[in-house]
Every structure is written in C-alpha cells, then in structure tokens.
Amino acid sequence: MHADMQTFDSLSQLADDQVRVAVTTFSMLAEPTRVRLLWCLLRGEYAVKDLATMSGSAPSAVSQHLAKLRLARLVRYRREGRRVLYSTDNVHVRRLLEESLYRADHVAQGHPDHP
C-alpha cells in the first residue's frame, strides 16, 4: 500500500517490511560507485559500456553494481536488440538520490540548513 508521508505520524506505524526495504536501499547507497551510477541514470537510459565510461569504472564492476541495484529495485533494464539499457526504477529513486546529494552538498560546503 502506498501511503502519503503525512500518514506516518509515529514510528509504530512503520511495518517491518518498510524498514527492511529502507535499510536495503540505504545500504545500496553506501557505495560510491553505485551513487555515481544512479546519478548518471537520472539523465536517462544507458548501457553498461556507457555507464563504465561515465563513472570511471570497469564494465565488469558496473555490471556487478547494476545487478545489486536491480535486486534492490533501484534500477530497471530493458533490451533494445542486443543492448541492455538501464534506468532508475521510479521517481522515488530520483528524489531519494537528489535529496541525499543536496544534503551532502550542504554539509560539505558548510551551507546553513533550510528554514
């Protein structure tokens, strides 16, 4: 069931499966290459070779990271002929990554919190 965040008025309303998925998601974002790959995928669909070039990683490493991200449902893929193209799974992934990186920028640059 998809609930608006306003309906979560206490921690007791978090179901175990919600917490498990959130922890898995955060653990996937705890690896620099995966964050870079997701950042690249926010711009569109790309093949492993393109993502390797963009992220500065070996294609085999990119494939392994994409497999983990796919299992965590953070990315999806589709076949186009012989190519496999990857993209972020949905708008929630985009928002999660953007907010994480905006927060990181604030902390790293010493910007004040928003009111």
Protein backbone atom coordinates (compact mmCIF):
# COMPACT_ATOMS: atom_id res chain seq x y z
CA MET A 1 0.00 0.00 0.00
CA HIS A 2 1.34 3.40 -0.95
CA ALA A 3 0.80 5.95 1.79
CA ASP A 4 1.43 9.65 1.85
CA MET A 5 4.24 10.54 4.24
CA GLN A 6 1.80 12.64 6.26
CA THR A 7 0.07 9.44 7.35
CA PHE A 8 3.24 8.32 9.14
CA ASP A 9 2.64 10.15 12.39
CA SER A 10 4.55 7.74 14.62
CA LEU A 11 7.29 5.15 14.36
CA SER A 12 4.86 2.44 15.42
CA GLN A 13 3.19 2.74 12.02
CA LEU A 14 6.27 1.56 10.16
CA ALA A 15 5.87 -2.02 9.09
CA ASP A 16 8.83 -4.38 9.28
CA ASP A 17 8.90 -4.78 5.50
CA GLN A 18 9.04 -0.99 5.03
CA VAL A 19 12.02 -0.76 7.40
CA ARG A 20 13.74 -3.70 5.69
CA VAL A 21 13.37 -2.15 2.23
CA ALA A 22 14.54 1.26 3.50
CA VAL A 23 17.63 -0.29 5.10
CA THR A 24 18.41 -2.21 1.91
CA THR A 25 18.03 0.99 -0.10
CA PHE A 26 20.34 2.94 2.20
CA SER A 27 22.90 0.12 2.13
CA MET A 28 22.90 0.25 -1.68
CA LEU A 29 23.65 3.98 -1.48
CA ALA A 30 26.56 3.36 0.89
CA GLU A 31 28.89 2.54 -2.02
CA PRO A 32 30.39 5.41 -4.07
CA THR A 33 30.25 3.68 -7.46
CA ARG A 34 26.55 2.92 -7.02
CA VAL A 35 25.82 6.56 -6.19
CA ARG A 36 27.72 7.64 -9.30
CA LEU A 37 25.85 5.12 -11.45
CA LEU A 38 22.47 6.24 -10.14
CA TRP A 39 23.44 9.87 -10.72
CA CYS A 40 24.26 9.03 -14.34
CA LEU A 41 20.97 7.17 -14.72
CA LEU A 42 18.99 10.20 -13.58
CA ARG A 43 19.85 11.67 -17.00
CA GLY A 44 18.45 8.76 -18.99
CA GLU A 45 18.97 5.19 -20.11
CA TYR A 46 22.46 3.86 -20.63
CA ALA A 47 24.23 0.62 -21.45
CA VAL A 48 26.93 -0.84 -19.20
CA LYS A 49 29.71 0.37 -21.51
CA ASP A 50 28.43 3.95 -21.38
CA LEU A 51 27.99 3.83 -17.60
CA ALA A 52 31.51 2.47 -17.21
CA THR A 53 32.92 5.40 -19.16
CA MET A 54 30.77 7.95 -17.33
CA SER A 55 31.57 6.60 -13.87
CA GLY A 56 35.23 5.81 -14.50
CA SER A 57 34.71 2.16 -13.52
CA ALA A 58 35.43 -1.11 -15.26
CA PRO A 59 32.48 -2.58 -17.19
CA SER A 60 32.59 -5.76 -15.09
CA ALA A 61 32.35 -3.73 -11.87
CA VAL A 62 29.47 -1.69 -13.31
CA SER A 63 27.63 -4.89 -14.22
CA GLN A 64 28.02 -6.22 -10.68
CA HIS A 65 26.80 -2.98 -9.13
CA LEU A 66 23.84 -2.78 -11.51
CA ALA A 67 22.86 -6.34 -10.60
CA LYS A 68 22.73 -5.36 -6.92
CA LEU A 69 20.83 -2.16 -7.67
CA ARG A 70 18.39 -4.15 -9.79
CA LEU A 71 17.78 -6.66 -6.99
CA ALA A 72 17.12 -3.75 -4.62
CA ARG A 73 14.66 -2.36 -7.22
CA LEU A 74 16.57 0.88 -7.62
CA VAL A 75 17.22 0.36 -11.33
CA ARG A 76 15.45 -1.43 -14.10
CA TYR A 77 16.52 -2.55 -17.53
CA ARG A 78 15.12 -3.19 -20.94
CA ARG A 79 16.51 -4.87 -24.00
CA GLU A 80 16.94 -2.99 -27.24
CA GLY A 81 18.20 -5.52 -29.75
CA ARG A 82 21.44 -6.87 -28.32
CA ARG A 83 21.89 -3.94 -25.95
CA VAL A 84 20.62 -3.78 -22.38
CA LEU A 85 19.69 -0.28 -21.25
CA TYR A 86 19.43 0.67 -17.58
CA SER A 87 17.43 3.44 -15.93
CA THR A 88 16.32 4.39 -12.43
CA ASP A 89 13.28 2.43 -11.32
CA ASN A 90 10.93 5.30 -10.46
CA VAL A 91 10.51 8.87 -9.25
CA HIS A 92 11.15 7.84 -5.64
CA VAL A 93 14.68 6.74 -6.51
CA ARG A 94 15.28 10.09 -8.21
CA ARG A 95 14.03 12.04 -5.21
CA LEU A 96 15.98 9.92 -2.74
CA LEU A 97 19.25 10.37 -4.60
CA GLU A 98 18.73 14.06 -5.28
CA GLU A 99 17.87 14.82 -1.65
CA SER A 100 20.84 12.77 -0.42
CA LEU A 101 23.23 14.63 -2.69
CA TYR A 102 21.72 18.05 -1.90
CA ARG A 103 22.17 17.30 1.79
CA ALA A 104 25.73 16.13 1.18
CA ASP A 105 26.45 19.37 -0.67
CA HIS A 106 25.10 21.41 2.24
CA VAL A 107 27.24 19.52 4.73
CA ALA A 108 30.39 19.51 2.56
CA GLN A 109 30.09 23.20 1.65
CA GLY A 110 29.01 24.31 5.13
CA HIS A 111 25.73 25.79 3.91
CA PRO A 112 23.15 26.57 6.60
CA ASP A 113 20.04 24.43 6.97
CA HIS A 114 16.85 25.50 5.25
CA PRO A 115 14.25 27.14 7.47
